[in-house]
Protein backbone atom coordinates (compact mmCIF):
# COMPACT_ATOMS: atom_id res chain seq x y z
CA MET A 1 -239.00 -195.38 -77.99
CA TYR A 2 -237.95 -198.50 -76.10
CA TYR A 3 -240.62 -200.73 -74.56
CA PHE A 4 -240.17 -203.47 -72.00
CA GLN A 5 -242.30 -206.61 -72.30
CA ASP A 6 -243.44 -208.02 -69.01
CA LYS A 7 -243.05 -211.80 -69.24
CA TYR A 8 -245.84 -212.47 -66.75
CA SER A 9 -248.62 -210.32 -68.20
CA GLY A 10 -247.41 -210.29 -71.80
CA PHE A 11 -248.03 -206.54 -72.02
CA GLU A 12 -245.45 -203.95 -72.99
CA PHE A 13 -244.51 -201.09 -70.70
CA GLY A 14 -242.63 -197.84 -71.29
CA SER A 15 -241.43 -194.74 -69.49
CA ILE A 16 -243.73 -191.73 -69.49
CA PHE A 17 -242.01 -189.08 -67.35
CA HIS A 18 -238.85 -187.00 -67.84
CA TYR A 19 -237.33 -186.53 -64.39
CA ARG A 20 -233.90 -187.93 -63.58
CA GLY A 21 -234.07 -191.73 -63.65
CA ALA A 22 -237.57 -191.86 -65.16
CA LEU A 23 -236.35 -193.40 -68.43
CA LEU A 24 -235.48 -196.55 -66.51
CA LYS A 25 -238.96 -196.87 -65.01
CA TYR A 26 -241.33 -198.78 -67.28
CA GLU A 27 -244.54 -197.93 -65.46
CA ALA A 28 -246.89 -197.01 -68.32
CA ILE A 29 -248.71 -199.75 -70.21
CA VAL A 30 -248.27 -199.44 -73.98
CA ILE A 31 -251.26 -200.02 -76.25
CA THR A 32 -250.08 -201.39 -79.60
CA GLU A 33 -253.14 -203.39 -80.74
CA SER A 34 -256.65 -202.44 -81.85
CA ASN A 35 -258.27 -205.01 -79.56
CA VAL A 36 -258.47 -202.73 -76.53
CA SER A 37 -260.72 -204.93 -74.37
CA LYS A 38 -257.78 -206.89 -72.95
CA TYR A 39 -255.99 -203.65 -72.11
CA ILE A 40 -259.06 -202.21 -70.42
CA GLU A 41 -259.45 -205.30 -68.27
CA PHE A 42 -255.79 -205.31 -67.22
CA ILE A 43 -255.66 -201.55 -66.59
CA ASN A 44 -258.73 -201.63 -64.36
CA ALA A 45 -257.72 -204.81 -62.53
CA HIS A 46 -254.31 -203.37 -61.64
CA GLU A 47 -255.42 -199.74 -61.25
CA ILE A 48 -252.84 -198.57 -63.79
CA ASP A 49 -253.03 -194.80 -64.22
CA LYS A 50 -250.33 -194.35 -66.89
CA ILE A 51 -250.92 -195.21 -70.57
CA ILE A 52 -248.91 -194.85 -73.77
CA ILE A 53 -250.98 -195.18 -76.95
CA ASP A 54 -249.07 -196.02 -80.13
CA VAL A 55 -251.62 -194.98 -82.74
CA LYS A 56 -249.75 -196.29 -85.78
CA ALA A 57 -249.02 -199.69 -84.27
CA SER A 58 -252.52 -200.15 -82.87
CA GLY A 59 -254.49 -198.74 -85.78
CA LEU A 60 -256.89 -197.02 -83.38
CA LEU A 61 -259.15 -194.34 -84.85
CA ASP A 62 -260.36 -192.73 -81.64
CA LEU A 63 -259.87 -192.71 -77.89
CA SER A 64 -263.41 -193.58 -76.82
CA PHE A 65 -262.20 -196.66 -74.94
CA LEU A 66 -260.61 -194.39 -72.32
CA LYS A 67 -264.10 -193.76 -70.92
CA GLU A 68 -263.85 -197.28 -69.52
CA THR A 69 -260.65 -196.42 -67.63
CA PRO A 70 -261.72 -193.12 -66.04
CA HIS A 71 -259.05 -193.22 -63.32
CA VAL A 72 -256.15 -192.77 -65.79
CA LYS A 73 -254.08 -189.66 -65.02
CA TYR A 74 -251.04 -189.75 -67.31
CA LEU A 75 -251.29 -190.14 -71.09
CA LYS A 76 -248.81 -190.19 -73.95
CA ILE A 77 -250.33 -190.42 -77.43
CA LEU A 78 -248.02 -191.15 -80.35
CA GLY A 79 -249.57 -190.35 -83.74
CA ASP A 80 -252.62 -188.66 -85.26
CA ILE A 81 -256.00 -189.42 -83.74
CA ASP A 82 -259.27 -187.76 -82.76
CA TYR A 83 -258.71 -186.26 -79.30
CA SER A 84 -262.34 -185.34 -78.52
CA ALA A 85 -262.86 -188.27 -76.12
CA LEU A 86 -260.37 -186.64 -73.75
CA TYR A 87 -262.84 -183.81 -73.10
CA GLU A 88 -265.07 -186.18 -71.14
CA LEU A 89 -262.34 -187.44 -68.83
CA LYS A 90 -261.98 -185.80 -65.42
CA GLU A 91 -258.74 -187.22 -64.05
CA ILE A 92 -256.17 -186.47 -66.78
CA ARG A 93 -253.26 -184.58 -65.22
CA SER A 94 -250.53 -185.08 -67.83
CA LEU A 95 -250.85 -185.26 -71.62
CA GLU A 96 -248.07 -185.73 -74.19
CA ILE A 97 -249.05 -185.66 -77.87
CA ASP A 98 -247.18 -185.56 -81.17
CA GLY A 99 -250.07 -185.63 -83.63
CA LEU A 100 -251.14 -183.00 -86.16
CA ASN A 101 -254.82 -183.04 -85.25
CA GLU A 102 -256.19 -179.98 -83.46
CA ILE A 103 -256.95 -180.27 -79.76
CA ASP A 104 -258.82 -177.83 -77.51
CA VAL A 105 -256.74 -178.12 -74.35
CA SER A 106 -259.08 -175.84 -72.41
CA LYS A 107 -261.66 -178.65 -72.44
CA ILE A 108 -259.43 -181.10 -70.56
CA GLU A 109 -260.48 -180.43 -67.01
CA GLY A 110 -257.70 -180.30 -64.41
CA LEU A 111 -254.81 -180.72 -66.89
CA GLN A 112 -251.52 -179.83 -65.19
CA ALA A 113 -248.82 -180.86 -67.67
CA LEU A 114 -248.87 -180.64 -71.46
CA ILE A 115 -246.21 -181.66 -74.00
CA SER A 116 -246.84 -181.03 -77.70
CA ASN A 117 -244.74 -181.45 -80.85
CA TYR A 118 -247.09 -179.22 -82.83
CA PRO A 119 -247.93 -176.09 -80.80
CA SER A 120 -249.90 -174.60 -83.70
CA ARG A 121 -252.47 -177.37 -83.22
CA LEU A 122 -253.21 -176.37 -79.63
CA LYS A 123 -256.51 -174.51 -79.39
CA ASN A 124 -257.41 -172.19 -76.48
CA LEU A 125 -254.08 -172.77 -74.76
CA ASN A 126 -254.42 -169.50 -72.89
CA LEU A 127 -257.63 -170.78 -71.28
CA ALA A 128 -256.03 -173.92 -69.82
CA LYS A 129 -255.75 -172.20 -66.45
CA THR A 130 -254.78 -175.31 -64.45
CA LEU A 131 -251.56 -175.88 -66.44
CA LYS A 132 -248.38 -175.95 -64.37
CA SER A 133 -245.96 -177.45 -66.91
CA LEU A 134 -245.86 -176.64 -70.62
CA TRP A 135 -243.43 -178.20 -73.10
CA LEU A 136 -243.57 -176.94 -76.68
CA TYR A 137 -241.52 -178.59 -79.42
CA GLY A 138 -241.42 -176.97 -82.84
CA TYR A 139 -239.58 -179.60 -84.87
CA GLY A 140 -242.07 -179.84 -87.72
CA ASP A 141 -244.31 -176.94 -86.77
CA THR A 142 -244.69 -173.85 -88.94
CA LYS A 143 -245.95 -171.51 -86.22
CA TYR A 144 -243.93 -168.33 -85.66
CA TYR A 145 -244.15 -166.65 -82.26
CA HIS A 146 -243.96 -162.86 -82.46
CA ASP A 147 -244.38 -162.97 -78.69
CA PHE A 148 -245.74 -165.29 -76.00
CA SER A 149 -248.91 -163.39 -75.15
CA SER A 150 -250.77 -166.60 -76.00
CA ILE A 151 -249.72 -168.08 -72.65
CA LYS A 152 -249.58 -164.99 -70.44
CA GLU A 153 -252.78 -165.93 -68.58
CA LEU A 154 -251.37 -169.26 -67.37
CA LYS A 155 -250.76 -167.93 -63.87
CA GLN A 156 -250.15 -171.37 -62.33
CA LEU A 157 -247.40 -172.21 -64.83
CA ASP A 158 -244.15 -172.94 -63.01
CA THR A 159 -242.30 -174.87 -65.75
CA LEU A 160 -241.84 -173.83 -69.40
CA TYR A 161 -239.80 -175.77 -71.96
CA LEU A 162 -239.36 -174.28 -75.45
CA ARG A 163 -237.46 -176.35 -78.03
CA ASN A 164 -236.99 -175.60 -81.74
CA ILE A 165 -239.50 -172.77 -81.48
CA LYS A 166 -239.46 -170.05 -84.14
CA CYS A 167 -239.21 -166.78 -82.22
CA THR A 168 -236.89 -163.79 -81.83
CA SER A 169 -237.92 -162.67 -78.35
CA LEU A 170 -239.64 -164.00 -75.25
CA ASP A 171 -241.90 -161.00 -74.70
CA GLY A 172 -244.97 -162.07 -72.78
CA ILE A 173 -243.39 -164.60 -70.43
CA GLU A 174 -242.77 -161.84 -67.90
CA SER A 175 -246.49 -162.20 -67.06
CA LEU A 176 -245.83 -165.74 -65.78
CA ASN A 177 -245.04 -164.58 -62.26
CA ASN A 178 -245.03 -168.12 -60.86
CA LEU A 179 -242.46 -169.44 -63.37
CA LYS A 180 -239.65 -171.26 -61.57
CA VAL A 181 -238.13 -173.45 -64.30
CA LEU A 182 -237.34 -172.31 -67.86
CA LEU A 183 -235.57 -174.31 -70.57
CA LEU A 184 -234.70 -172.81 -73.96
CA ILE A 185 -233.25 -175.38 -76.35
CA ASN A 186 -232.37 -175.04 -80.06
CA ASN A 187 -234.38 -171.86 -80.59
CA LEU A 188 -232.12 -170.73 -83.41
CA GLU A 189 -233.78 -167.37 -84.14
CA LEU A 190 -234.08 -166.25 -80.52
CA SER A 191 -232.01 -163.11 -79.95
CA ASN A 192 -233.67 -161.05 -77.22
CA ILE A 193 -234.15 -162.56 -73.74
CA GLU A 194 -234.83 -159.31 -71.89
CA ALA A 195 -238.23 -160.64 -70.75
CA ILE A 196 -236.47 -163.23 -68.58
CA SER A 197 -235.02 -160.48 -66.40
CA ARG A 198 -238.53 -159.57 -65.28
CA LEU A 199 -238.95 -163.02 -63.73
CA ASN A 200 -236.51 -161.96 -61.04
CA PHE A 201 -238.80 -162.84 -58.12
CA SER A 202 -239.68 -166.37 -59.24
CA LEU A 203 -237.17 -168.01 -61.63
CA LYS A 204 -234.85 -170.52 -59.94
CA HIS A 205 -233.76 -172.86 -62.73
CA LEU A 206 -232.65 -171.71 -66.19
CA GLU A 207 -231.12 -173.68 -69.06
CA ILE A 208 -230.21 -172.15 -72.42
CA GLU A 209 -228.73 -174.37 -75.12
CA ASN A 210 -227.92 -173.70 -78.76
CA CYS A 211 -229.67 -170.33 -78.93
CA ARG A 212 -226.68 -168.70 -80.57
CA ARG A 213 -228.25 -165.40 -81.59
CA ILE A 214 -228.88 -164.25 -78.03
CA ASN A 215 -227.18 -160.89 -77.69
CA ASN A 216 -228.07 -159.74 -74.18
CA ILE A 217 -226.99 -162.55 -71.86
CA GLU A 218 -225.99 -159.94 -69.26
CA SER A 219 -229.70 -159.23 -68.67
CA LEU A 220 -229.75 -162.40 -66.56
CA SER A 221 -228.03 -160.41 -63.81
CA ALA A 222 -231.48 -159.38 -62.54
CA LEU A 223 -232.45 -162.95 -61.57
CA GLU A 224 -231.87 -162.64 -57.84
CA GLN A 225 -233.66 -165.93 -57.01
CA LEU A 226 -231.79 -168.04 -59.60
CA ILE A 227 -230.20 -171.19 -58.14
CA TYR A 228 -229.26 -173.20 -61.25
CA LEU A 229 -227.92 -171.91 -64.57
CA ARG A 230 -226.73 -173.97 -67.54
CA LEU A 231 -225.39 -172.33 -70.70
CA GLN A 232 -224.48 -174.56 -73.63
CA LYS A 233 -223.31 -173.93 -77.20
CA PHE A 234 -222.78 -170.19 -76.78
CA LEU A 235 -220.20 -169.11 -79.35
CA ASN A 236 -219.10 -166.04 -77.43
CA VAL A 237 -220.17 -164.96 -73.95
CA PRO A 238 -218.49 -161.56 -73.42
CA SER A 239 -218.00 -162.10 -69.69
CA LEU A 240 -219.33 -163.97 -66.66
CA SER A 241 -219.31 -160.81 -64.56
CA PHE A 242 -223.13 -160.77 -64.57
CA LEU A 243 -223.05 -163.82 -62.27
CA LYS A 244 -221.83 -161.62 -59.41
CA SER A 245 -225.36 -160.24 -59.06
CA LEU A 246 -226.92 -163.68 -58.64
CA GLY A 247 -226.74 -163.97 -54.87
CA ASN A 248 -228.60 -167.30 -54.68
CA LEU A 249 -226.75 -169.06 -57.51
CA ARG A 250 -225.42 -172.45 -56.41
CA THR A 251 -224.89 -174.33 -59.67
CA PHE A 252 -223.35 -173.01 -62.89
CA LEU A 253 -222.65 -175.19 -65.94
CA LEU A 254 -220.91 -173.98 -69.10
CA PHE A 255 -220.62 -176.50 -71.93
CA GLU A 256 -219.36 -176.16 -75.50
CA SER A 257 -219.07 -172.41 -75.06
CA ASN A 258 -216.51 -169.63 -75.00
CA VAL A 259 -216.08 -166.71 -72.60
CA ILE A 260 -214.27 -163.92 -74.42
CA ASP A 261 -212.50 -162.34 -71.44
CA GLY A 262 -211.67 -165.79 -70.02
CA ASN A 263 -212.27 -164.72 -66.43
CA MET A 264 -213.76 -167.58 -64.38
CA THR A 265 -213.45 -165.82 -61.02
CA PRO A 266 -217.26 -165.37 -60.62
CA ILE A 267 -217.79 -169.16 -60.44
CA ILE A 268 -214.87 -170.19 -58.22
CA GLU A 269 -216.79 -169.94 -54.94
CA LEU A 270 -219.99 -171.54 -56.19
CA GLU A 271 -221.19 -174.78 -54.60
CA THR A 272 -221.18 -176.58 -57.97
CA GLN A 273 -219.56 -175.77 -61.29
CA GLY A 274 -219.02 -177.54 -64.58
CA VAL A 275 -216.98 -176.16 -67.47
CA LEU A 276 -216.22 -178.22 -70.57
CA PRO A 277 -214.13 -177.75 -72.59
CA ILE A 278 -211.73 -175.52 -70.70
CA ARG A 279 -210.31 -172.96 -73.11
CA LYS A 280 -206.62 -172.09 -72.99
CA HIS A 281 -207.29 -168.49 -71.98
CA PHE A 282 -209.57 -169.33 -69.01
CA PHE A 283 -208.22 -168.09 -65.68
CA TYR A 284 -209.30 -166.83 -62.25
CA TYR A 285 -207.93 -164.39 -59.72
CA LYS A 286 -206.67 -165.45 -56.30
CA ASN A 287 -205.07 -162.84 -54.08
CA ARG A 288 -204.86 -160.58 -57.13
CA GLU A 289 -202.85 -163.18 -59.01
CA ALA A 290 -204.14 -164.61 -62.29
CA ILE A 291 -204.17 -168.42 -62.13
CA LYS A 292 -204.89 -170.82 -64.98
CA PHE A 293 -208.37 -172.31 -64.67
CA THR A 294 -208.23 -176.12 -64.77
CA ASP A 295 -211.10 -177.34 -62.56
CA ASP A 296 -213.62 -178.69 -65.06
CA TYR A 297 -216.04 -180.13 -62.47
CA LYS A 298 -216.73 -179.34 -58.83
CA ASN A 299 -219.37 -181.26 -56.85
CA PHE A 300 -221.13 -182.03 -60.13
CA GLY A 301 -222.91 -185.11 -58.80
CA LYS A 302 -224.39 -183.12 -55.92
CA ARG A 303 -225.57 -180.15 -57.94
CA THR A 304 -228.55 -178.22 -56.64
CA ARG A 305 -231.13 -177.83 -59.40
CA GLY A 306 -233.54 -175.32 -57.92
CA ASP A 307 -236.59 -177.39 -58.86
CA MET A 308 -237.43 -178.94 -55.51
CA GLU A 309 -240.77 -177.11 -55.38
CA ILE A 310 -241.86 -178.91 -58.56
CA GLU A 311 -243.58 -182.27 -58.12
CA LEU A 312 -241.26 -185.09 -59.11
CA TRP A 313 -243.38 -186.34 -62.02
CA ARG A 314 -243.29 -182.87 -63.63
CA ARG A 315 -239.54 -182.30 -63.37
CA THR A 316 -237.12 -182.47 -66.26
CA ASP A 317 -233.58 -183.78 -66.36
CA MET A 318 -231.48 -182.26 -69.11
């Protein structure tokens, strides 16, 4: 992670959000030393509500000092530490953690966004009823998801990001009837996405990347509210004919993938399209004549993402 050192204050700052352009905004103070008193003074004096805690660099053993900065809303904690002090804070809205220590997320009052690199260490996740955004990374995690019933009670959840998660199906997410944004990245064992089709009244933004075992992509045809669809690293998509049923689709992106029948006609009239690479057999029909497909990008810079209902700080830019 890159930090920017402010030459006037002497403190380091880093980015804490994931929306488009957020990586260039160094608005969170970074704690890299064990002497927290100077940080507390600066945070309170300047009403800073975004903090990144580098546990390894600072050598901190606990987070008790956060009681002296009760207004803080956005936290990123890098490394293993005792999380119990967070249970006494009332203003935390966003929490990103990558430590192995267990945390009872149901005890963090008012939490709206949670990002974790070790989902198996999240206790009582299903009771965190105020959650709106949930990002689960499974890089080093051993947990296997037979289904997603563990989150089915999160009725306010509108954004779900699953990356490197060990699962074969998404059964259970159909209960998330407020889900508007879904990202599935590098879930190498995922094969059945039928549950997504039952989000037909809510889902507006869907990205699927490097989930090569998926065998029922045509089930997405039920997503009548879908506005944005990105498919990447699909070895063989039988056909794009399922797109014809998506009456609200405005943006379609197909990267590093192959469409077996080669017919690109379903995307020709869309507001925005992106196809790369263009395979030799790709074509579209115009006045019943088959024409070689060559238009790799169309209005790409103005693409509609379907996430406008999500607060800016909770959006993702993939």
